[in-house]
Amino acid sequence: MKTFINHYQTVQDLVAIEAKIASLTARKKEIHAQLKGYTVQGGKNFDVAGHGCTVQVRTHTRKNVDVAALKAKVSRQFLQAHTTEKEITTVSLKSHAASLTLALKGAA
């Protein structure tokens, strides 16, 4: 039978990485919330250029369907009656290199 005692440091490294990921994920959510709270002249859509990337903040409307109600009865009219819209804001990070590559492919 194999023993895993030799893998103690590997397990410790994994635990440390998971803790860092959790911490970074929490910080990322804070930053996203902060960016979503900003408004600029002309609306809530804006781009911010960073180190080799662009952060895009976009606000749009998304339709939501009441899935529980759908399970009971489905028809076109019922679907329309139970569909709601709400405004959501998304934050995405676009690499300048990827944008340049796409632009070059489109130009060719």
PDB file of N, CA and C in Angstrom:
ATOM      1  N   MET A   1       0.839  -1.185   0.000  1.00  0.00           N
ATOM      2  CA  MET A   1       0.000   0.000   0.000  1.00  0.00           C
ATOM      3  C   MET A   1       0.884   1.247   0.000  1.00  0.00           C
ATOM      4  N   LYS A   2       0.509   2.215  -0.849  1.00  0.00           N
ATOM      5  CA  LYS A   2       1.290   3.424  -0.977  1.00  0.00           C
ATOM      6  C   LYS A   2       0.947   4.406   0.143  1.00  0.00           C
ATOM      7  N   THR A   3       1.943   5.115   0.617  1.00  0.00           N
ATOM      8  CA  THR A   3       1.709   6.130   1.636  1.00  0.00           C
ATOM      9  C   THR A   3       1.781   7.513   0.995  1.00  0.00           C
ATOM     10  N   PHE A   4       1.013   8.433   1.537  1.00  0.00           N
ATOM     11  CA  PHE A   4       0.970   9.786   0.991  1.00  0.00           C
ATOM     12  C   PHE A   4       1.705  10.792   1.866  1.00  0.00           C
ATOM     13  N   ILE A   5       2.499  10.301   2.803  1.00  0.00           N
ATOM     14  CA  ILE A   5       3.248  11.188   3.693  1.00  0.00           C
ATOM     15  C   ILE A   5       4.218  12.047   2.885  1.00  0.00           C
ATOM     16  N   ASN A   6       4.782  11.501   1.809  1.00  0.00           N
ATOM     17  CA  ASN A   6       5.722  12.249   0.985  1.00  0.00           C
ATOM     18  C   ASN A   6       5.055  13.409   0.248  1.00  0.00           C
ATOM     19  N   HIS A   7       3.742  13.428   0.211  1.00  0.00           N
ATOM     20  CA  HIS A   7       3.018  14.458  -0.517  1.00  0.00           C
ATOM     21  C   HIS A   7       2.502  15.562   0.388  1.00  0.00           C
ATOM     22  N   TYR A   8       2.991  15.621   1.614  1.00  0.00           N
ATOM     23  CA  TYR A   8       2.534  16.616   2.577  1.00  0.00           C
ATOM     24  C   TYR A   8       2.736  18.029   2.043  1.00  0.00           C
ATOM     25  N   GLN A   9       3.914  18.338   1.510  1.00  0.00           N
ATOM     26  CA  GLN A   9       4.184  19.691   1.009  1.00  0.00           C
ATOM     27  C   GLN A   9       3.296  20.025  -0.181  1.00  0.00           C
ATOM     28  N   THR A  10       3.042  19.046  -1.045  1.00  0.00           N
ATOM     29  CA  THR A  10       2.163  19.268  -2.191  1.00  0.00           C
ATOM     30  C   THR A  10       0.764  19.633  -1.716  1.00  0.00           C
ATOM     31  N   VAL A  11       0.280  18.921  -0.715  1.00  0.00           N
ATOM     32  CA  VAL A  11      -1.043  19.203  -0.162  1.00  0.00           C
ATOM     33  C   VAL A  11      -1.053  20.584   0.489  1.00  0.00           C
ATOM     34  N   GLN A  12       0.000  20.931   1.202  1.00  0.00           N
ATOM     35  CA  GLN A  12       0.087  22.247   1.825  1.00  0.00           C
ATOM     36  C   GLN A  12       0.099  23.355   0.767  1.00  0.00           C
ATOM     37  N   ASP A  13       0.811  23.123  -0.325  1.00  0.00           N
ATOM     38  CA  ASP A  13       0.835  24.089  -1.422  1.00  0.00           C
ATOM     39  C   ASP A  13      -0.565  24.269  -2.009  1.00  0.00           C
ATOM     40  N   LEU A  14      -1.271  23.154  -2.197  1.00  0.00           N
ATOM     41  CA  LEU A  14      -2.622  23.217  -2.738  1.00  0.00           C
ATOM     42  C   LEU A  14      -3.553  23.996  -1.809  1.00  0.00           C
ATOM     43  N   VAL A  15      -3.457  23.760  -0.518  1.00  0.00           N
ATOM     44  CA  VAL A  15      -4.282  24.474   0.456  1.00  0.00           C
ATOM     45  C   VAL A  15      -3.966  25.974   0.406  1.00  0.00           C
ATOM     46  N   ALA A  16      -2.695  26.324   0.307  1.00  0.00           N
ATOM     47  CA  ALA A  16      -2.298  27.734   0.234  1.00  0.00           C
ATOM     48  C   ALA A  16      -2.833  28.386  -1.040  1.00  0.00           C
ATOM     49  N   ILE A  17      -2.751  27.665  -2.152  1.00  0.00           N
ATOM     50  CA  ILE A  17      -3.260  28.188  -3.422  1.00  0.00           C
ATOM     51  C   ILE A  17      -4.763  28.400  -3.340  1.00  0.00           C
ATOM     52  N   GLU A  18      -5.492  27.437  -2.784  1.00  0.00           N
ATOM     53  CA  GLU A  18      -6.947  27.568  -2.647  1.00  0.00           C
ATOM     54  C   GLU A  18      -7.305  28.766  -1.780  1.00  0.00           C
ATOM     55  N   ALA A  19      -6.541  28.998  -0.715  1.00  0.00           N
ATOM     56  CA  ALA A  19      -6.791  30.155   0.153  1.00  0.00           C
ATOM     57  C   ALA A  19      -6.553  31.457  -0.608  1.00  0.00           C
ATOM     58  N   LYS A  20      -5.485  31.499  -1.419  1.00  0.00           N
ATOM     59  CA  LYS A  20      -5.204  32.695  -2.217  1.00  0.00           C
ATOM     60  C   LYS A  20      -6.305  32.929  -3.246  1.00  0.00           C
ATOM     61  N   ILE A  21      -6.770  31.857  -3.879  1.00  0.00           N
ATOM     62  CA  ILE A  21      -7.841  31.976  -4.868  1.00  0.00           C
ATOM     63  C   ILE A  21      -9.101  32.527  -4.207  1.00  0.00           C
ATOM     64  N   ALA A  22      -9.445  32.023  -3.025  1.00  0.00           N
ATOM     65  CA  ALA A  22     -10.635  32.506  -2.311  1.00  0.00           C
ATOM     66  C   ALA A  22     -10.493  33.986  -1.974  1.00  0.00           C
ATOM     67  N   SER A  23      -9.319  34.376  -1.516  1.00  0.00           N
ATOM     68  CA  SER A  23      -9.065  35.776  -1.173  1.00  0.00           C
ATOM     69  C   SER A  23      -9.141  36.661  -2.410  1.00  0.00           C
ATOM     70  N   LEU A  24      -8.506  36.228  -3.496  1.00  0.00           N
ATOM     71  CA  LEU A  24      -8.517  37.001  -4.737  1.00  0.00           C
ATOM     72  C   LEU A  24      -9.916  37.075  -5.345  1.00  0.00           C
ATOM     73  N   THR A  25     -10.679  35.996  -5.244  1.00  0.00           N
ATOM     74  CA  THR A  25     -12.041  35.985  -5.752  1.00  0.00           C
ATOM     75  C   THR A  25     -12.907  36.982  -4.991  1.00  0.00           C
ATOM     76  N   ALA A  26     -12.739  37.034  -3.674  1.00  0.00           N
ATOM     77  CA  ALA A  26     -13.491  37.997  -2.866  1.00  0.00           C
ATOM     78  C   ALA A  26     -13.111  39.423  -3.256  1.00  0.00           C
ATOM     79  N   ARG A  27     -11.823  39.681  -3.451  1.00  0.00           N
ATOM     80  CA  ARG A  27     -11.369  41.023  -3.856  1.00  0.00           C
ATOM     81  C   ARG A  27     -11.887  41.379  -5.246  1.00  0.00           C
ATOM     82  N   LYS A  28     -11.895  40.393  -6.153  1.00  0.00           N
ATOM     83  CA  LYS A  28     -12.409  40.608  -7.503  1.00  0.00           C
ATOM     84  C   LYS A  28     -13.885  41.014  -7.449  1.00  0.00           C
ATOM     85  N   LYS A  29     -14.664  40.352  -6.600  1.00  0.00           N
ATOM     86  CA  LYS A  29     -16.078  40.701  -6.461  1.00  0.00           C
ATOM     87  C   LYS A  29     -16.244  42.117  -5.938  1.00  0.00           C
ATOM     88  N   GLU A  30     -15.386  42.533  -5.008  1.00  0.00           N
ATOM     89  CA  GLU A  30     -15.437  43.900  -4.489  1.00  0.00           C
ATOM     90  C   GLU A  30     -15.154  44.916  -5.602  1.00  0.00           C
ATOM     91  N   ILE A  31     -14.139  44.636  -6.402  1.00  0.00           N
ATOM     92  CA  ILE A  31     -13.767  45.541  -7.495  1.00  0.00           C
ATOM     93  C   ILE A  31     -14.882  45.599  -8.536  1.00  0.00           C
ATOM     94  N   HIS A  32     -15.471  44.452  -8.867  1.00  0.00           N
ATOM     95  CA  HIS A  32     -16.580  44.431  -9.822  1.00  0.00           C
ATOM     96  C   HIS A  32     -17.733  45.276  -9.306  1.00  0.00           C
ATOM     97  N   ALA A  33     -18.063  45.134  -8.023  1.00  0.00           N
ATOM     98  CA  ALA A  33     -19.155  45.920  -7.445  1.00  0.00           C
ATOM     99  C   ALA A  33     -18.832  47.413  -7.513  1.00  0.00           C
ATOM    100  N   GLN A  34     -17.587  47.761  -7.253  1.00  0.00           N
ATOM    101  CA  GLN A  34     -17.173  49.160  -7.317  1.00  0.00           C
ATOM    102  C   GLN A  34     -17.306  49.687  -8.747  1.00  0.00           C
ATOM    103  N   LEU A  35     -16.836  48.926  -9.732  1.00  0.00           N
ATOM    104  CA  LEU A  35     -16.928  49.354 -11.129  1.00  0.00           C
ATOM    105  C   LEU A  35     -18.378  49.450 -11.590  1.00  0.00           C
ATOM    106  N   LYS A  36     -19.216  48.524 -11.137  1.00  0.00           N
ATOM    107  CA  LYS A  36     -20.623  48.543 -11.525  1.00  0.00           C
ATOM    108  C   LYS A  36     -21.335  49.760 -10.945  1.00  0.00           C
ATOM    109  N   GLY A  37     -20.815  50.305  -9.858  1.00  0.00           N
ATOM    110  CA  GLY A  37     -21.414  51.471  -9.232  1.00  0.00           C
ATOM    111  C   GLY A  37     -21.068  52.782  -9.912  1.00  0.00           C
ATOM    112  N   TYR A  38     -20.055  52.794 -10.740  1.00  0.00           N
ATOM    113  CA  TYR A  38     -19.649  54.026 -11.423  1.00  0.00           C
ATOM    114  C   TYR A  38     -20.615  54.373 -12.548  1.00  0.00           C
ATOM    115  N   THR A  39     -20.819  55.641 -12.756  1.00  0.00           N
ATOM    116  CA  THR A  39     -21.532  56.102 -13.947  1.00  0.00           C
ATOM    117  C   THR A  39     -20.653  57.146 -14.602  1.00  0.00           C
ATOM    118  N   VAL A  40     -20.711  57.196 -15.898  1.00  0.00           N
ATOM    119  CA  VAL A  40     -19.931  58.179 -16.645  1.00  0.00           C
ATOM    120  C   VAL A  40     -20.894  58.989 -17.500  1.00  0.00           C
ATOM    121  N   GLN A  41     -20.415  60.096 -17.999  1.00  0.00           N
ATOM    122  CA  GLN A  41     -21.246  60.944 -18.836  1.00  0.00           C
ATOM    123  C   GLN A  41     -21.734  60.151 -20.035  1.00  0.00           C
ATOM    124  N   GLY A  42     -23.036  60.160 -20.261  1.00  0.00           N
ATOM    125  CA  GLY A  42     -23.599  59.459 -21.403  1.00  0.00           C
ATOM    126  C   GLY A  42     -24.114  58.071 -21.078  1.00  0.00           C
ATOM    127  N   GLY A  43     -24.006  57.618 -19.839  1.00  0.00           N
ATOM    128  CA  GLY A  43     -24.559  56.313 -19.487  1.00  0.00           C
ATOM    129  C   GLY A  43     -23.657  55.498 -18.598  1.00  0.00           C
ATOM    130  N   LYS A  44     -23.953  54.200 -18.527  1.00  0.00           N
ATOM    131  CA  LYS A  44     -23.226  53.306 -17.643  1.00  0.00           C
ATOM    132  C   LYS A  44     -22.229  52.411 -18.383  1.00  0.00           C
ATOM    133  N   ASN A  45     -22.079  52.593 -19.673  1.00  0.00           N
ATOM    134  CA  ASN A  45     -21.132  51.795 -20.445  1.00  0.00           C
ATOM    135  C   ASN A  45     -19.830  52.565 -20.598  1.00  0.00           C
ATOM    136  N   PHE A  46     -18.720  51.929 -20.200  1.00  0.00           N
ATOM    137  CA  PHE A  46     -17.432  52.586 -20.371  1.00  0.00           C
ATOM    138  C   PHE A  46     -16.310  51.562 -20.421  1.00  0.00           C
ATOM    139  N   ASP A  47     -15.171  51.992 -20.963  1.00  0.00           N
ATOM    140  CA  ASP A  47     -13.964  51.175 -21.054  1.00  0.00           C
ATOM    141  C   ASP A  47     -12.855  51.881 -20.289  1.00  0.00           C
ATOM    142  N   VAL A  48     -12.011  51.079 -19.640  1.00  0.00           N
ATOM    143  CA  VAL A  48     -10.850  51.623 -18.937  1.00  0.00           C
ATOM    144  C   VAL A  48      -9.628  50.839 -19.414  1.00  0.00           C
ATOM    145  N   ALA A  49      -8.655  51.540 -19.988  1.00  0.00           N
ATOM    146  CA  ALA A  49      -7.431  50.891 -20.460  1.00  0.00           C
ATOM    147  C   ALA A  49      -6.505  50.664 -19.281  1.00  0.00           C
ATOM    148  N   GLY A  50      -5.944  49.464 -19.211  1.00  0.00           N
ATOM    149  CA  GLY A  50      -5.028  49.117 -18.133  1.00  0.00           C
ATOM    150  C   GLY A  50      -3.705  48.655 -18.687  1.00  0.00           C
ATOM    151  N   HIS A  51      -3.016  47.811 -17.938  1.00  0.00           N
ATOM    152  CA  HIS A  51      -1.729  47.271 -18.350  1.00  0.00           C
ATOM    153  C   HIS A  51      -1.954  46.124 -19.326  1.00  0.00           C
ATOM    154  N   GLY A  52      -1.963  46.433 -20.605  1.00  0.00           N
ATOM    155  CA  GLY A  52      -2.101  45.402 -21.627  1.00  0.00           C
ATOM    156  C   GLY A  52      -3.506  44.858 -21.780  1.00  0.00           C
ATOM    157  N   CYS A  53      -4.504  45.549 -21.239  1.00  0.00           N
ATOM    158  CA  CYS A  53      -5.875  45.074 -21.352  1.00  0.00           C
ATOM    159  C   CYS A  53      -6.841  46.250 -21.231  1.00  0.00           C
ATOM    160  N   THR A  54      -8.087  45.978 -21.528  1.00  0.00           N
ATOM    161  CA  THR A  54      -9.149  46.966 -21.366  1.00  0.00           C
ATOM    162  C   THR A  54     -10.258  46.344 -20.533  1.00  0.00           C
ATOM    163  N   VAL A  55     -10.713  47.054 -19.525  1.00  0.00           N
ATOM    164  CA  VAL A  55     -11.841  46.607 -18.722  1.00  0.00           C
ATOM    165  C   VAL A  55     -13.083  47.267 -19.296  1.00  0.00           C
ATOM    166  N   GLN A  56     -14.061  46.459 -19.653  1.00  0.00           N
ATOM    167  CA  GLN A  56     -15.312  46.976 -20.201  1.00  0.00           C
ATOM    168  C   GLN A  56     -16.409  46.822 -19.162  1.00  0.00           C
ATOM    169  N   VAL A  57     -17.181  47.872 -18.938  1.00  0.00           N
ATOM    170  CA  VAL A  57     -18.335  47.817 -18.046  1.00  0.00           C
ATOM    171  C   VAL A  57     -19.553  48.139 -18.905  1.00  0.00           C
ATOM    172  N   ARG A  58     -20.489  47.215 -18.972  1.00  0.00           N
ATOM    173  CA  ARG A  58     -21.663  47.349 -19.826  1.00  0.00           C
ATOM    174  C   ARG A  58     -22.921  47.099 -19.000  1.00  0.00           C
ATOM    175  N   THR A  59     -23.962  47.906 -19.233  1.00  0.00           N
ATOM    176  CA  THR A  59     -25.253  47.711 -18.595  1.00  0.00           C
ATOM    177  C   THR A  59     -26.262  47.385 -19.686  1.00  0.00           C
ATOM    178  N   HIS A  60     -27.026  46.324 -19.466  1.00  0.00           N
ATOM    179  CA  HIS A  60     -28.037  45.928 -20.425  1.00  0.00           C
ATOM    180  C   HIS A  60     -29.195  45.258 -19.686  1.00  0.00           C
ATOM    181  N   THR A  61     -30.242  44.967 -20.399  1.00  0.00           N
ATOM    182  CA  THR A  61     -31.424  44.337 -19.816  1.00  0.00           C
ATOM    183  C   THR A  61     -31.416  42.854 -20.141  1.00  0.00           C
ATOM    184  N   ARG A  62     -31.732  42.070 -19.133  1.00  0.00           N
ATOM    185  CA  ARG A  62     -31.792  40.619 -19.305  1.00  0.00           C
ATOM    186  C   ARG A  62     -33.186  40.134 -18.925  1.00  0.00           C
ATOM    187  N   LYS A  63     -33.728  39.246 -19.718  1.00  0.00           N
ATOM    188  CA  LYS A  63     -35.032  38.662 -19.411  1.00  0.00           C
ATOM    189  C   LYS A  63     -34.837  37.431 -18.540  1.00  0.00           C
ATOM    190  N   ASN A  64     -35.682  37.315 -17.525  1.00  0.00           N
ATOM    191  CA  ASN A  64     -35.650  36.158 -16.631  1.00  0.00           C
ATOM    192  C   ASN A  64     -36.987  35.449 -16.683  1.00  0.00           C
ATOM    193  N   VAL A  65     -36.942  34.128 -16.651  1.00  0.00           N
ATOM    194  CA  VAL A  65     -38.149  33.314 -16.705  1.00  0.00           C
ATOM    195  C   VAL A  65     -38.328  32.625 -15.357  1.00  0.00           C
ATOM    196  N   ASP A  66     -39.555  32.606 -14.851  1.00  0.00           N
ATOM    197  CA  ASP A  66     -39.885  31.905 -13.610  1.00  0.00           C
ATOM    198  C   ASP A  66     -39.921  30.406 -13.920  1.00  0.00           C
ATOM    199  N   VAL A  67     -38.835  29.715 -13.640  1.00  0.00           N
ATOM    200  CA  VAL A  67     -38.680  28.307 -14.015  1.00  0.00           C
ATOM    201  C   VAL A  67     -39.654  27.418 -13.258  1.00  0.00           C
ATOM    202  N   ALA A  68     -39.915  27.728 -12.006  1.00  0.00           N
ATOM    203  CA  ALA A  68     -40.853  26.916 -11.220  1.00  0.00           C
ATOM    204  C   ALA A  68     -42.241  26.943 -11.851  1.00  0.00           C
ATOM    205  N   ALA A  69     -42.660  28.120 -12.312  1.00  0.00           N
ATOM    206  CA  ALA A  69     -43.965  28.230 -12.963  1.00  0.00           C
ATOM    207  C   ALA A  69     -43.970  27.481 -14.299  1.00  0.00           C
ATOM    208  N   LEU A  70     -42.831  27.484 -14.974  1.00  0.00           N
ATOM    209  CA  LEU A  70     -42.737  26.780 -16.257  1.00  0.00           C
ATOM    210  C   LEU A  70     -42.935  25.278 -16.104  1.00  0.00           C
ATOM    211  N   LYS A  71     -42.446  24.741 -15.004  1.00  0.00           N
ATOM    212  CA  LYS A  71     -42.552  23.297 -14.789  1.00  0.00           C
ATOM    213  C   LYS A  71     -44.011  22.851 -14.701  1.00  0.00           C
ATOM    214  N   ALA A  72     -44.851  23.729 -14.191  1.00  0.00           N
ATOM    215  CA  ALA A  72     -46.254  23.374 -14.021  1.00  0.00           C
ATOM    216  C   ALA A  72     -47.041  23.462 -15.330  1.00  0.00           C
ATOM    217  N   LYS A  73     -46.759  24.472 -16.124  1.00  0.00           N
ATOM    218  CA  LYS A  73     -47.559  24.700 -17.329  1.00  0.00           C
ATOM    219  C   LYS A  73     -46.748  25.543 -18.305  1.00  0.00           C
ATOM    220  N   VAL A  74     -46.691  25.101 -19.542  1.00  0.00           N
ATOM    221  CA  VAL A  74     -45.900  25.838 -20.529  1.00  0.00           C
ATOM    222  C   VAL A  74     -46.751  26.140 -21.766  1.00  0.00           C
ATOM    223  N   SER A  75     -46.847  27.411 -22.095  1.00  0.00           N
ATOM    224  CA  SER A  75     -47.440  27.859 -23.356  1.00  0.00           C
ATOM    225  C   SER A  75     -46.777  29.184 -23.699  1.00  0.00           C
ATOM    226  N   ARG A  76     -46.920  29.643 -24.923  1.00  0.00           N
ATOM    227  CA  ARG A  76     -46.306  30.897 -25.335  1.00  0.00           C
ATOM    228  C   ARG A  76     -46.839  32.062 -24.503  1.00  0.00           C
ATOM    229  N   GLN A  77     -48.144  32.095 -24.295  1.00  0.00           N
ATOM    230  CA  GLN A  77     -48.752  33.164 -23.523  1.00  0.00           C
ATOM    231  C   GLN A  77     -48.291  33.115 -22.064  1.00  0.00           C
ATOM    232  N   PHE A  78     -48.241  31.911 -21.524  1.00  0.00           N
ATOM    233  CA  PHE A  78     -47.805  31.745 -20.142  1.00  0.00           C
ATOM    234  C   PHE A  78     -46.350  32.187 -19.995  1.00  0.00           C
ATOM    235  N   LEU A  79     -45.523  31.816 -20.967  1.00  0.00           N
ATOM    236  CA  LEU A  79     -44.112  32.194 -20.941  1.00  0.00           C
ATOM    237  C   LEU A  79     -43.964  33.718 -20.966  1.00  0.00           C
ATOM    238  N   GLN A  80     -44.724  34.391 -21.817  1.00  0.00           N
ATOM    239  CA  GLN A  80     -44.673  35.849 -21.877  1.00  0.00           C
ATOM    240  C   GLN A  80     -45.165  36.488 -20.579  1.00  0.00           C
ATOM    241  N   ALA A  81     -46.185  35.920 -19.992  1.00  0.00           N
ATOM    242  CA  ALA A  81     -46.760  36.481 -18.771  1.00  0.00           C
ATOM    243  C   ALA A  81     -45.812  36.356 -17.579  1.00  0.00           C
ATOM    244  N   HIS A  82     -44.942  35.362 -17.580  1.00  0.00           N
ATOM    245  CA  HIS A  82     -44.058  35.111 -16.444  1.00  0.00           C
ATOM    246  C   HIS A  82     -42.599  35.454 -16.735  1.00  0.00           C
ATOM    247  N   THR A  83     -42.353  36.223 -17.775  1.00  0.00           N
ATOM    248  CA  THR A  83     -41.006  36.666 -18.100  1.00  0.00           C
ATOM    249  C   THR A  83     -40.835  38.099 -17.623  1.00  0.00           C
ATOM    250  N   THR A  84     -39.764  38.328 -16.884  1.00  0.00           N
ATOM    251  CA  THR A  84     -39.478  39.674 -16.381  1.00  0.00           C
ATOM    252  C   THR A  84     -38.157  40.154 -16.958  1.00  0.00           C
ATOM    253  N   GLU A  85     -37.935  41.461 -16.908  1.00  0.00           N
ATOM    254  CA  GLU A  85     -36.681  42.042 -17.348  1.00  0.00           C
ATOM    255  C   GLU A  85     -36.059  42.790 -16.192  1.00  0.00           C
ATOM    256  N   LYS A  86     -34.747  42.740 -16.120  1.00  0.00           N
ATOM    257  CA  LYS A  86     -34.045  43.542 -15.130  1.00  0.00           C
ATOM    258  C   LYS A  86     -32.744  44.018 -15.733  1.00  0.00           C
ATOM    259  N   GLU A  87     -32.282  45.153 -15.248  1.00  0.00           N
ATOM    260  CA  GLU A  87     -31.040  45.734 -15.740  1.00  0.00           C
ATOM    261  C   GLU A  87     -29.870  45.081 -15.007  1.00  0.00           C
ATOM    262  N   ILE A  88     -28.891  44.642 -15.761  1.00  0.00           N
ATOM    263  CA  ILE A  88     -27.689  44.080 -15.160  1.00  0.00           C
ATOM    264  C   ILE A  88     -26.475  44.783 -15.730  1.00  0.00           C
ATOM    265  N   THR A  89     -25.410  44.790 -14.957  1.00  0.00           N
ATOM    266  CA  THR A  89     -24.158  45.392 -15.398  1.00  0.00           C
ATOM    267  C   THR A  89     -23.076  44.325 -15.337  1.00  0.00           C
ATOM    268  N   THR A  90     -22.315  44.191 -16.399  1.00  0.00           N
ATOM    269  CA  THR A  90     -21.236  43.204 -16.448  1.00  0.00           C
ATOM    270  C   THR A  90     -19.894  43.901 -16.558  1.00  0.00           C
ATOM    271  N   VAL A  91     -18.862  43.232 -16.042  1.00  0.00           N
ATOM    272  CA  VAL A  91     -17.489  43.719 -16.144  1.00  0.00           C
ATOM    273  C   VAL A  91     -16.692  42.625 -16.836  1.00  0.00           C
ATOM    274  N   SER A  92     -15.959  42.974 -17.892  1.00  0.00           N
ATOM    275  CA  SER A  92     -15.133  41.977 -18.565  1.00  0.00           C
ATOM    276  C   SER A  92     -13.759  42.565 -18.840  1.00  0.00           C
ATOM    277  N   LEU A  93     -12.790  41.699 -18.916  1.00  0.00           N
ATOM    278  CA  LEU A  93     -11.402  42.086 -19.143  1.00  0.00           C
ATOM    279  C   LEU A  93     -10.993  41.596 -20.517  1.00  0.00           C
ATOM    280  N   LYS A  94     -10.576  42.497 -21.369  1.00  0.00           N
ATOM    281  CA  LYS A  94     -10.177  42.147 -22.733  1.00  0.00           C
ATOM    282  C   LYS A  94      -8.695  42.426 -22.910  1.00  0.00           C
ATOM    283  N   SER A  95      -7.963  41.415 -23.302  1.00  0.00           N
ATOM    284  CA  SER A  95      -6.537  41.561 -23.539  1.00  0.00           C
ATOM    285  C   SER A  95      -6.303  42.389 -24.789  1.00  0.00           C
ATOM    286  N   HIS A  96      -5.367  43.339 -24.721  1.00  0.00           N
ATOM    287  CA  HIS A  96      -5.045  44.142 -25.904  1.00  0.00           C
ATOM    288  C   HIS A  96      -4.483  43.251 -27.005  1.00  0.00           C
ATOM    289  N   ALA A  97      -3.675  42.275 -26.646  1.00  0.00           N
ATOM    290  CA  ALA A  97      -3.084  41.391 -27.644  1.00  0.00           C
ATOM    291  C   ALA A  97      -4.173  40.610 -28.373  1.00  0.00           C
ATOM    292  N   ALA A  98      -5.176  40.119 -27.635  1.00  0.00           N
ATOM    293  CA  ALA A  98      -6.263  39.373 -28.267  1.00  0.00           C
ATOM    294  C   ALA A  98      -7.083  40.290 -29.157  1.00  0.00           C
ATOM    295  N   SER A  99      -7.339  41.511 -28.704  1.00  0.00           N
ATOM    296  CA  SER A  99      -8.095  42.469 -29.510  1.00  0.00           C
ATOM    297  C   SER A  99      -7.340  42.793 -30.794  1.00  0.00           C
ATOM    298  N   LEU A 100      -6.035  42.972 -30.693  1.00  0.00           N
ATOM    299  CA  LEU A 100      -5.221  43.273 -31.856  1.00  0.00           C
ATOM    300  C   LEU A 100      -5.232  42.111 -32.822  1.00  0.00           C
ATOM    301  N   THR A 101      -5.135  40.887 -32.302  1.00  0.00           N
ATOM    302  CA  THR A 101      -5.156  39.694 -33.151  1.00  0.00           C
ATOM    303  C   THR A 101      -6.473  39.617 -33.901  1.00  0.00           C
ATOM    304  N   LEU A 102      -7.599  39.855 -33.190  1.00  0.00           N
ATOM    305  CA  LEU A 102      -8.901  39.793 -33.841  1.00  0.00           C
ATOM    306  C   LEU A 102      -9.022  40.889 -34.888  1.00  0.00           C
ATOM    307  N   ALA A 103      -8.513  42.091 -34.570  1.00  0.00           N
ATOM    308  CA  ALA A 103      -8.599  43.186 -35.529  1.00  0.00           C
ATOM    309  C   ALA A 103      -7.779  42.867 -36.777  1.00  0.00           C
ATOM    310  N   LEU A 104      -6.617  42.258 -36.584  1.00  0.00           N
ATOM    311  CA  LEU A 104      -5.768  41.923 -37.722  1.00  0.00           C
ATOM    312  C   LEU A 104      -6.410  40.839 -38.567  1.00  0.00           C
ATOM    313  N   LYS A 105      -7.079  39.873 -37.925  1.00  0.00           N
ATOM    314  CA  LYS A 105      -7.743  38.821 -38.695  1.00  0.00           C
ATOM    315  C   LYS A 105      -8.872  39.400 -39.512  1.00  0.00           C
ATOM    316  N   GLY A 106      -9.605  40.363 -38.929  1.00  0.00           N
ATOM    317  CA  GLY A 106     -10.710  40.985 -39.638  1.00  0.00           C
ATOM    318  C   GLY A 106     -10.232  41.856 -40.797  1.00  0.00           C
ATOM    319  N   ALA A 107      -9.045  42.445 -40.650  1.00  0.00           N
ATOM    320  CA  ALA A 107      -8.523  43.332 -41.696  1.00  0.00           C
ATOM    321  C   ALA A 107      -7.937  42.557 -42.861  1.00  0.00           C
ATOM    322  N   ALA A 108      -7.533  41.330 -42.606  1.00  0.00           N
ATOM    323  CA  ALA A 108      -6.871  40.546 -43.650  1.00  0.00           C
ATOM    324  C   ALA A 108      -7.814  40.022 -44.699  1.00  0.00           C
TER     325      ALA A 108
END
